[in-house]
């Protein structure tokens, strides 16, 4: 064998060895990726280790929404779903209705399965990711919200009761380890036989919590949540805006939560 032929044969062997090493490395990488890849529950779409965080949304259906406020709420919810809720976070939606005892359970509860930009594009299919997000998460939520009449004018508005239920059946019931956010669409005007914000001057929260109803209205399940109120103002002439916002800021602080923002709804 000539020196040229021997070098050529050696080169082929080295190339073959290199290809074997590369193939073994690729197989090992794909095997590791498959082994460590997180699985998801088919019904809830949540990670097997539990949701990475949670958004709880309360929608008030005790006073009619003007047309523009309906549109504004729909747009804000859409933006939240598309741009704010991280992959793996649980979205829980409650209806604030006069009959709170029959609305203690959420009307929608699923985790965000993630969008194409959130995924490892080497191990995911864009078509499957987009289908799961739209067909199993975004569209079902939109359908549920559109079924709410938003035309009700109820005798009572159990704001404190539904906040308690949001803590009990929302934040406390799931194995959620991450951030907790509470998003409220309401005029925040509690109106029950025991206490009404429509009658007389609104007391400070410190005064309210000393009353029998105030003592029972604590919501420890909200502890650790950051709160955003999308404020409807259809009937707020009764209570000055600064006094109402101060009351709720103190309420959430007393229950271990923090009021991050109050954002008036369009079309007031």
C-alpha atoms as a PDB file:
ATOM      1  CA  UNK A   1       0.000   0.000   0.000  1.00  0.00           C
ATOM      2  CA  UNK A   2       1.383   3.369  -0.973  1.00  0.00           C
ATOM      3  CA  UNK A   3       1.762   6.183   1.531  1.00  0.00           C
ATOM      4  CA  UNK A   4      -1.022   8.071  -0.251  1.00  0.00           C
ATOM      5  CA  UNK A   5      -3.398   5.096  -0.019  1.00  0.00           C
ATOM      6  CA  UNK A   6      -2.514   4.548   3.638  1.00  0.00           C
ATOM      7  CA  UNK A   7      -3.203   8.213   4.506  1.00  0.00           C
ATOM      8  CA  UNK A   8      -6.473   8.061   2.607  1.00  0.00           C
ATOM      9  CA  UNK A   9      -7.526   4.922   4.492  1.00  0.00           C
ATOM     10  CA  UNK A  10      -6.610   6.533   7.825  1.00  0.00           C
ATOM     11  CA  UNK A  11      -8.625   9.615   6.907  1.00  0.00           C
ATOM     12  CA  UNK A  12     -11.679   7.489   6.160  1.00  0.00           C
ATOM     13  CA  UNK A  13     -11.371   5.716   9.497  1.00  0.00           C
ATOM     14  CA  UNK A  14     -11.072   9.026  11.360  1.00  0.00           C
ATOM     15  CA  UNK A  15     -14.078  10.417   9.492  1.00  0.00           C
ATOM     16  CA  UNK A  16     -16.089   7.299  10.343  1.00  0.00           C
ATOM     17  CA  UNK A  17     -15.112   7.582  14.007  1.00  0.00           C
ATOM     18  CA  UNK A  18     -16.047  11.270  14.027  1.00  0.00           C
ATOM     19  CA  UNK A  19     -19.446  10.513  12.477  1.00  0.00           C
ATOM     20  CA  UNK A  20     -20.067   7.796  15.064  1.00  0.00           C
ATOM     21  CA  UNK A  21     -19.180  10.215  17.874  1.00  0.00           C
ATOM     22  CA  UNK A  22     -21.474  12.886  16.441  1.00  0.00           C
ATOM     23  CA  UNK A  23     -24.329  10.417  16.017  1.00  0.00           C
ATOM     24  CA  UNK A  24     -23.890   9.145  19.573  1.00  0.00           C
ATOM     25  CA  UNK A  25     -23.830  12.708  20.878  1.00  0.00           C
ATOM     26  CA  UNK A  26     -26.990  13.620  18.987  1.00  0.00           C
ATOM     27  CA  UNK A  27     -28.755  10.491  20.230  1.00  0.00           C
ATOM     28  CA  UNK A  28     -27.684  11.256  23.781  1.00  0.00           C
ATOM     29  CA  UNK A  29     -28.885  14.853  23.495  1.00  0.00           C
ATOM     30  CA  UNK A  30     -32.295  13.868  22.109  1.00  0.00           C
ATOM     31  CA  UNK A  31     -32.589  11.145  24.739  1.00  0.00           C
ATOM     32  CA  UNK A  32     -31.789  13.613  27.506  1.00  0.00           C
ATOM     33  CA  UNK A  33     -34.231  16.170  26.074  1.00  0.00           C
ATOM     34  CA  UNK A  34     -36.982  13.558  25.903  1.00  0.00           C
ATOM     35  CA  UNK A  35     -36.226  12.314  29.434  1.00  0.00           C
ATOM     36  CA  UNK A  36     -36.160  15.781  31.010  1.00  0.00           C
ATOM     37  CA  UNK A  37     -39.010  17.278  28.970  1.00  0.00           C
ATOM     38  CA  UNK A  38     -41.841  18.346  31.241  1.00  0.00           C
ATOM     39  CA  UNK A  39     -45.170  16.629  30.687  1.00  0.00           C
ATOM     40  CA  UNK A  40     -48.535  18.377  30.780  1.00  0.00           C
ATOM     41  CA  UNK A  41     -51.976  17.356  32.014  1.00  0.00           C
ATOM     42  CA  UNK A  42     -54.305  16.886  29.033  1.00  0.00           C
ATOM     43  CA  UNK A  43     -57.337  18.367  30.788  1.00  0.00           C
ATOM     44  CA  UNK A  44     -55.835  21.372  32.591  1.00  0.00           C
ATOM     45  CA  UNK A  45     -52.813  21.880  30.278  1.00  0.00           C
ATOM     46  CA  UNK A  46     -50.748  22.431  33.433  1.00  0.00           C
ATOM     47  CA  UNK A  47     -47.168  21.220  33.942  1.00  0.00           C
ATOM     48  CA  UNK A  48     -46.854  17.898  35.758  1.00  0.00           C
ATOM     49  CA  UNK A  49     -45.013  19.622  38.631  1.00  0.00           C
ATOM     50  CA  UNK A  50     -47.872  22.087  39.064  1.00  0.00           C
ATOM     51  CA  UNK A  51     -48.618  25.559  37.681  1.00  0.00           C
ATOM     52  CA  UNK A  52     -45.683  27.977  37.651  1.00  0.00           C
ATOM     53  CA  UNK A  53     -47.911  30.836  38.782  1.00  0.00           C
ATOM     54  CA  UNK A  54     -51.536  31.909  38.697  1.00  0.00           C
ATOM     55  CA  UNK A  55     -53.822  34.641  37.399  1.00  0.00           C
ATOM     56  CA  UNK A  56     -57.268  34.830  38.998  1.00  0.00           C
ATOM     57  CA  UNK A  57     -59.828  36.996  37.178  1.00  0.00           C
ATOM     58  CA  UNK A  58     -63.095  38.214  38.739  1.00  0.00           C
ATOM     59  CA  UNK A  59     -65.800  39.559  36.407  1.00  0.00           C
ATOM     60  CA  UNK A  60     -68.629  41.504  38.058  1.00  0.00           C
ATOM     61  CA  UNK A  61     -72.038  40.629  36.622  1.00  0.00           C
ATOM     62  CA  UNK A  62     -74.158  42.539  39.146  1.00  0.00           C
ATOM     63  CA  UNK A  63     -74.374  45.835  37.207  1.00  0.00           C
ATOM     64  CA  UNK A  64     -74.847  46.314  33.454  1.00  0.00           C
ATOM     65  CA  UNK A  65     -71.709  46.929  31.381  1.00  0.00           C
ATOM     66  CA  UNK A  66     -72.074  49.798  28.883  1.00  0.00           C
ATOM     67  CA  UNK A  67     -71.290  48.754  25.304  1.00  0.00           C
ATOM     68  CA  UNK A  68     -67.852  50.365  25.261  1.00  0.00           C
ATOM     69  CA  UNK A  69     -66.887  48.769  28.571  1.00  0.00           C
ATOM     70  CA  UNK A  70     -67.785  45.340  27.222  1.00  0.00           C
ATOM     71  CA  UNK A  71     -65.474  45.998  24.280  1.00  0.00           C
ATOM     72  CA  UNK A  72     -62.747  47.305  26.576  1.00  0.00           C
ATOM     73  CA  UNK A  73     -62.937  44.276  28.849  1.00  0.00           C
ATOM     74  CA  UNK A  74     -62.768  41.905  25.883  1.00  0.00           C
ATOM     75  CA  UNK A  75     -59.696  43.696  24.540  1.00  0.00           C
ATOM     76  CA  UNK A  76     -57.949  43.761  27.923  1.00  0.00           C
ATOM     77  CA  UNK A  77     -58.578  40.054  28.459  1.00  0.00           C
ATOM     78  CA  UNK A  78     -57.300  39.292  24.960  1.00  0.00           C
ATOM     79  CA  UNK A  79     -54.135  41.292  25.573  1.00  0.00           C
ATOM     80  CA  UNK A  80     -53.631  39.533  28.909  1.00  0.00           C
ATOM     81  CA  UNK A  81     -53.923  36.111  27.288  1.00  0.00           C
ATOM     82  CA  UNK A  82     -51.686  36.921  24.318  1.00  0.00           C
ATOM     83  CA  UNK A  83     -49.023  39.046  25.973  1.00  0.00           C
ATOM     84  CA  UNK A  84     -49.031  38.790  29.759  1.00  0.00           C
ATOM     85  CA  UNK A  85     -49.743  35.300  31.110  1.00  0.00           C
ATOM     86  CA  UNK A  86     -46.516  33.271  30.990  1.00  0.00           C
ATOM     87  CA  UNK A  87     -46.437  29.697  29.756  1.00  0.00           C
ATOM     88  CA  UNK A  88     -47.396  27.229  32.470  1.00  0.00           C
ATOM     89  CA  UNK A  89     -49.361  29.772  34.530  1.00  0.00           C
ATOM     90  CA  UNK A  90     -52.875  28.831  35.628  1.00  0.00           C
ATOM     91  CA  UNK A  91     -55.723  31.144  34.587  1.00  0.00           C
ATOM     92  CA  UNK A  92     -58.800  30.932  36.838  1.00  0.00           C
ATOM     93  CA  UNK A  93     -61.925  32.985  36.072  1.00  0.00           C
ATOM     94  CA  UNK A  94     -64.748  33.632  38.566  1.00  0.00           C
ATOM     95  CA  UNK A  95     -68.102  35.315  38.000  1.00  0.00           C
ATOM     96  CA  UNK A  96     -69.071  37.897  40.614  1.00  0.00           C
ATOM     97  CA  UNK A  97     -72.804  37.284  40.661  1.00  0.00           C
ATOM     98  CA  UNK A  98     -75.585  38.035  43.139  1.00  0.00           C
ATOM     99  CA  UNK A  99     -75.948  34.325  43.921  1.00  0.00           C
ATOM    100  CA  UNK A 100     -72.341  33.812  44.986  1.00  0.00           C
ATOM    101  CA  UNK A 101     -73.099  30.416  46.570  1.00  0.00           C
ATOM    102  CA  UNK A 102     -73.868  29.009  43.127  1.00  0.00           C
ATOM    103  CA  UNK A 103     -70.808  30.721  41.641  1.00  0.00           C
ATOM    104  CA  UNK A 104     -68.209  29.518  44.107  1.00  0.00           C
ATOM    105  CA  UNK A 105     -66.418  27.474  41.437  1.00  0.00           C
ATOM    106  CA  UNK A 106     -64.515  29.044  38.550  1.00  0.00           C
ATOM    107  CA  UNK A 107     -66.203  29.257  35.144  1.00  0.00           C
ATOM    108  CA  UNK A 108     -62.847  28.663  33.434  1.00  0.00           C
ATOM    109  CA  UNK A 109     -59.591  27.175  34.674  1.00  0.00           C
ATOM    110  CA  UNK A 110     -56.662  26.078  32.520  1.00  0.00           C
ATOM    111  CA  UNK A 111     -52.955  26.691  32.210  1.00  0.00           C
ATOM    112  CA  UNK A 112     -51.451  28.619  29.327  1.00  0.00           C
ATOM    113  CA  UNK A 113     -49.841  25.903  27.161  1.00  0.00           C
ATOM    114  CA  UNK A 114     -47.510  28.470  25.625  1.00  0.00           C
ATOM    115  CA  UNK A 115     -47.070  30.044  22.219  1.00  0.00           C
ATOM    116  CA  UNK A 116     -44.536  29.330  19.494  1.00  0.00           C
ATOM    117  CA  UNK A 117     -42.110  31.985  20.728  1.00  0.00           C
ATOM    118  CA  UNK A 118     -42.042  30.376  24.193  1.00  0.00           C
ATOM    119  CA  UNK A 119     -41.051  26.939  22.962  1.00  0.00           C
ATOM    120  CA  UNK A 120     -37.816  25.153  22.186  1.00  0.00           C
ATOM    121  CA  UNK A 121     -38.181  25.203  18.433  1.00  0.00           C
ATOM    122  CA  UNK A 122     -35.883  22.193  18.003  1.00  0.00           C
ATOM    123  CA  UNK A 123     -38.207  19.917  19.952  1.00  0.00           C
ATOM    124  CA  UNK A 124     -41.625  21.440  19.165  1.00  0.00           C
ATOM    125  CA  UNK A 125     -43.902  21.682  16.174  1.00  0.00           C
ATOM    126  CA  UNK A 126     -45.251  25.156  15.407  1.00  0.00           C
ATOM    127  CA  UNK A 127     -48.557  23.763  14.124  1.00  0.00           C
ATOM    128  CA  UNK A 128     -49.143  21.708  17.267  1.00  0.00           C
ATOM    129  CA  UNK A 129     -48.152  24.576  19.589  1.00  0.00           C
ATOM    130  CA  UNK A 130     -50.430  27.059  17.815  1.00  0.00           C
ATOM    131  CA  UNK A 131     -53.309  24.574  17.753  1.00  0.00           C
ATOM    132  CA  UNK A 132     -53.028  23.833  21.476  1.00  0.00           C
ATOM    133  CA  UNK A 133     -52.880  27.516  22.421  1.00  0.00           C
ATOM    134  CA  UNK A 134     -55.808  28.569  20.247  1.00  0.00           C
ATOM    135  CA  UNK A 135     -58.118  25.559  20.380  1.00  0.00           C
ATOM    136  CA  UNK A 136     -57.554  24.453  23.972  1.00  0.00           C
ATOM    137  CA  UNK A 137     -56.922  27.759  25.756  1.00  0.00           C
ATOM    138  CA  UNK A 138     -57.635  31.098  24.030  1.00  0.00           C
ATOM    139  CA  UNK A 139     -60.841  30.211  22.158  1.00  0.00           C
ATOM    140  CA  UNK A 140     -62.510  28.319  25.047  1.00  0.00           C
ATOM    141  CA  UNK A 141     -61.828  31.270  27.349  1.00  0.00           C
ATOM    142  CA  UNK A 142     -63.290  33.698  24.819  1.00  0.00           C
ATOM    143  CA  UNK A 143     -66.396  31.514  24.454  1.00  0.00           C
ATOM    144  CA  UNK A 144     -66.954  31.400  28.224  1.00  0.00           C
ATOM    145  CA  UNK A 145     -66.583  35.173  28.611  1.00  0.00           C
ATOM    146  CA  UNK A 146     -69.012  35.836  25.750  1.00  0.00           C
ATOM    147  CA  UNK A 147     -71.639  33.705  27.496  1.00  0.00           C
ATOM    148  CA  UNK A 148     -71.733  36.148  30.427  1.00  0.00           C
ATOM    149  CA  UNK A 149     -74.666  38.489  29.909  1.00  0.00           C
ATOM    150  CA  UNK A 150     -73.074  41.593  31.512  1.00  0.00           C
ATOM    151  CA  UNK A 151     -76.606  43.009  31.469  1.00  0.00           C
ATOM    152  CA  UNK A 152     -77.645  42.087  35.006  1.00  0.00           C
ATOM    153  CA  UNK A 153     -78.763  44.595  37.611  1.00  0.00           C
ATOM    154  CA  UNK A 154     -78.762  42.683  40.848  1.00  0.00           C
ATOM    155  CA  UNK A 155     -80.173  43.639  44.211  1.00  0.00           C
ATOM    156  CA  UNK A 156     -76.998  42.526  45.960  1.00  0.00           C
ATOM    157  CA  UNK A 157     -73.310  42.710  45.068  1.00  0.00           C
ATOM    158  CA  UNK A 158     -71.281  40.262  47.200  1.00  0.00           C
ATOM    159  CA  UNK A 159     -67.807  41.673  46.520  1.00  0.00           C
ATOM    160  CA  UNK A 160     -66.294  40.516  49.815  1.00  0.00           C
ATOM    161  CA  UNK A 161     -67.771  37.025  49.509  1.00  0.00           C
ATOM    162  CA  UNK A 162     -66.437  36.437  45.995  1.00  0.00           C
ATOM    163  CA  UNK A 163     -62.998  37.742  47.008  1.00  0.00           C
ATOM    164  CA  UNK A 164     -62.975  35.158  49.771  1.00  0.00           C
ATOM    165  CA  UNK A 165     -63.978  32.432  47.319  1.00  0.00           C
ATOM    166  CA  UNK A 166     -61.250  33.566  44.912  1.00  0.00           C
ATOM    167  CA  UNK A 167     -58.762  32.861  47.651  1.00  0.00           C
ATOM    168  CA  UNK A 168     -60.307  29.569  48.754  1.00  0.00           C
ATOM    169  CA  UNK A 169     -61.164  28.025  45.370  1.00  0.00           C
ATOM    170  CA  UNK A 170     -58.628  30.000  43.360  1.00  0.00           C
ATOM    171  CA  UNK A 171     -55.229  30.583  44.912  1.00  0.00           C
ATOM    172  CA  UNK A 172     -55.386  28.012  47.705  1.00  0.00           C
ATOM    173  CA  UNK A 173     -56.692  24.946  45.897  1.00  0.00           C
ATOM    174  CA  UNK A 174     -53.932  24.495  43.322  1.00  0.00           C
ATOM    175  CA  UNK A 175     -50.302  23.474  43.730  1.00  0.00           C
ATOM    176  CA  UNK A 176     -49.085  26.891  42.585  1.00  0.00           C
ATOM    177  CA  UNK A 177     -45.578  27.926  43.605  1.00  0.00           C
ATOM    178  CA  UNK A 178     -44.991  31.134  41.638  1.00  0.00           C
ATOM    179  CA  UNK A 179     -46.503  34.592  41.264  1.00  0.00           C
ATOM    180  CA  UNK A 180     -50.149  35.193  42.159  1.00  0.00           C
ATOM    181  CA  UNK A 181     -52.103  37.922  40.396  1.00  0.00           C
ATOM    182  CA  UNK A 182     -55.709  38.968  40.951  1.00  0.00           C
ATOM    183  CA  UNK A 183     -57.419  40.866  38.114  1.00  0.00           C
ATOM    184  CA  UNK A 184     -60.825  42.368  38.932  1.00  0.00           C
ATOM    185  CA  UNK A 185     -63.443  43.875  36.584  1.00  0.00           C
ATOM    186  CA  UNK A 186     -65.916  45.611  38.901  1.00  0.00           C
ATOM    187  CA  UNK A 187     -67.176  48.911  40.287  1.00  0.00           C
ATOM    188  CA  UNK A 188     -66.063  47.539  43.699  1.00  0.00           C
ATOM    189  CA  UNK A 189     -69.305  48.758  45.278  1.00  0.00           C
ATOM    190  CA  UNK A 190     -70.224  46.082  47.800  1.00  0.00           C
ATOM    191  CA  UNK A 191     -73.946  45.937  48.483  1.00  0.00           C
ATOM    192  CA  UNK A 192     -75.304  43.359  50.910  1.00  0.00           C
ATOM    193  CA  UNK A 193     -77.999  43.465  53.645  1.00  0.00           C
ATOM    194  CA  UNK A 194     -75.232  43.519  56.274  1.00  0.00           C
ATOM    195  CA  UNK A 195     -73.288  46.365  54.642  1.00  0.00           C
ATOM    196  CA  UNK A 196     -73.771  48.623  51.652  1.00  0.00           C
ATOM    197  CA  UNK A 197     -71.461  51.182  50.082  1.00  0.00           C
ATOM    198  CA  UNK A 198     -74.545  52.900  48.631  1.00  0.00           C
ATOM    199  CA  UNK A 199     -75.946  53.881  52.026  1.00  0.00           C
ATOM    200  CA  UNK A 200     -74.390  56.671  54.024  1.00  0.00           C
ATOM    201  CA  UNK A 201     -70.756  57.719  54.082  1.00  0.00           C
ATOM    202  CA  UNK A 202     -68.187  55.028  53.388  1.00  0.00           C
ATOM    203  CA  UNK A 203     -66.253  54.247  56.572  1.00  0.00           C
ATOM    204  CA  UNK A 204     -62.500  53.790  56.552  1.00  0.00           C
ATOM    205  CA  UNK A 205     -61.384  50.185  56.333  1.00  0.00           C
ATOM    206  CA  UNK A 206     -60.130  50.381  59.929  1.00  0.00           C
ATOM    207  CA  UNK A 207     -63.655  51.330  61.014  1.00  0.00           C
ATOM    208  CA  UNK A 208     -65.296  48.728  58.765  1.00  0.00           C
ATOM    209  CA  UNK A 209     -63.172  45.816  59.991  1.00  0.00           C
ATOM    210  CA  UNK A 210     -64.404  46.434  63.562  1.00  0.00           C
ATOM    211  CA  UNK A 211     -68.009  45.748  62.526  1.00  0.00           C
ATOM    212  CA  UNK A 212     -69.401  42.175  62.685  1.00  0.00           C
ATOM    213  CA  UNK A 213     -69.601  41.973  58.878  1.00  0.00           C
ATOM    214  CA  UNK A 214     -66.158  43.507  58.473  1.00  0.00           C
ATOM    215  CA  UNK A 215     -64.714  41.009  60.925  1.00  0.00           C
ATOM    216  CA  UNK A 216     -66.125  38.158  58.824  1.00  0.00           C
ATOM    217  CA  UNK A 217     -64.977  39.652  55.503  1.00  0.00           C
ATOM    218  CA  UNK A 218     -61.282  38.861  55.837  1.00  0.00           C
ATOM    219  CA  UNK A 219     -59.751  36.896  52.948  1.00  0.00           C
ATOM    220  CA  UNK A 220     -56.491  35.256  54.047  1.00  0.00           C
ATOM    221  CA  UNK A 221     -56.475  33.221  50.831  1.00  0.00           C
ATOM    222  CA  UNK A 222     -55.416  36.368  48.955  1.00  0.00           C
ATOM    223  CA  UNK A 223     -52.109  36.553  50.790  1.00  0.00           C
ATOM    224  CA  UNK A 224     -49.186  37.175  48.449  1.00  0.00           C
ATOM    225  CA  UNK A 225     -51.324  38.248  45.488  1.00  0.00           C
ATOM    226  CA  UNK A 226     -50.767  41.428  43.533  1.00  0.00           C
ATOM    227  CA  UNK A 227     -54.079  43.045  42.577  1.00  0.00           C
ATOM    228  CA  UNK A 228     -55.192  45.081  39.570  1.00  0.00           C
ATOM    229  CA  UNK A 229     -58.694  46.562  39.538  1.00  0.00           C
ATOM    230  CA  UNK A 230     -60.275  47.459  36.201  1.00  0.00           C
ATOM    231  CA  UNK A 231     -62.733  49.943  37.627  1.00  0.00           C
ATOM    232  CA  UNK A 232     -66.262  50.266  36.302  1.00  0.00           C
ATOM    233  CA  UNK A 233     -67.830  53.533  37.351  1.00  0.00           C
ATOM    234  CA  UNK A 234     -71.519  53.226  36.481  1.00  0.00           C
ATOM    235  CA  UNK A 235     -72.716  53.866  40.038  1.00  0.00           C
ATOM    236  CA  UNK A 236     -69.759  55.482  41.755  1.00  0.00           C
ATOM    237  CA  UNK A 237     -71.280  58.921  42.343  1.00  0.00           C
ATOM    238  CA  UNK A 238     -72.163  57.623  45.802  1.00  0.00           C
ATOM    239  CA  UNK A 239     -68.535  57.273  46.932  1.00  0.00           C
ATOM    240  CA  UNK A 240     -65.673  59.652  45.976  1.00  0.00           C
ATOM    241  CA  UNK A 241     -63.006  57.901  43.925  1.00  0.00           C
ATOM    242  CA  UNK A 242     -60.095  58.618  46.341  1.00  0.00           C
ATOM    243  CA  UNK A 243     -62.036  57.286  49.317  1.00  0.00           C
ATOM    244  CA  UNK A 244     -63.066  54.121  47.485  1.00  0.00           C
ATOM    245  CA  UNK A 245     -59.536  53.373  46.272  1.00  0.00           C
ATOM    246  CA  UNK A 246     -58.085  54.001  49.726  1.00  0.00           C
ATOM    247  CA  UNK A 247     -60.609  51.614  51.293  1.00  0.00           C
ATOM    248  CA  UNK A 248     -59.675  48.781  48.943  1.00  0.00           C
ATOM    249  CA  UNK A 249     -55.944  49.439  49.167  1.00  0.00           C
ATOM    250  CA  UNK A 250     -56.174  49.048  52.948  1.00  0.00           C
ATOM    251  CA  UNK A 251     -58.405  45.975  52.616  1.00  0.00           C
ATOM    252  CA  UNK A 252     -55.941  44.120  50.388  1.00  0.00           C
ATOM    253  CA  UNK A 253     -52.975  45.165  52.518  1.00  0.00           C
ATOM    254  CA  UNK A 254     -54.718  43.869  55.649  1.00  0.00           C
ATOM    255  CA  UNK A 255     -55.187  40.512  53.904  1.00  0.00           C
ATOM    256  CA  UNK A 256     -51.560  40.175  52.827  1.00  0.00           C
ATOM    257  CA  UNK A 257     -52.122  41.258  49.223  1.00  0.00           C
ATOM    258  CA  UNK A 258     -51.012  44.428  47.452  1.00  0.00           C
ATOM    259  CA  UNK A 259     -53.095  46.717  45.262  1.00  0.00           C
ATOM    260  CA  UNK A 260     -50.770  47.400  42.338  1.00  0.00           C
ATOM    261  CA  UNK A 261     -53.076  49.442  40.099  1.00  0.00           C
ATOM    262  CA  UNK A 262     -56.594  50.769  39.628  1.00  0.00           C
ATOM    263  CA  UNK A 263     -57.277  51.289  35.945  1.00  0.00           C
ATOM    264  CA  UNK A 264     -60.567  53.000  35.021  1.00  0.00           C
ATOM    265  CA  UNK A 265     -62.371  51.312  32.151  1.00  0.00           C
ATOM    266  CA  UNK A 266     -62.979  53.119  28.885  1.00  0.00           C
ATOM    267  CA  UNK A 267     -66.489  54.405  28.250  1.00  0.00           C
ATOM    268  CA  UNK A 268     -67.197  55.739  31.719  1.00  0.00           C
END
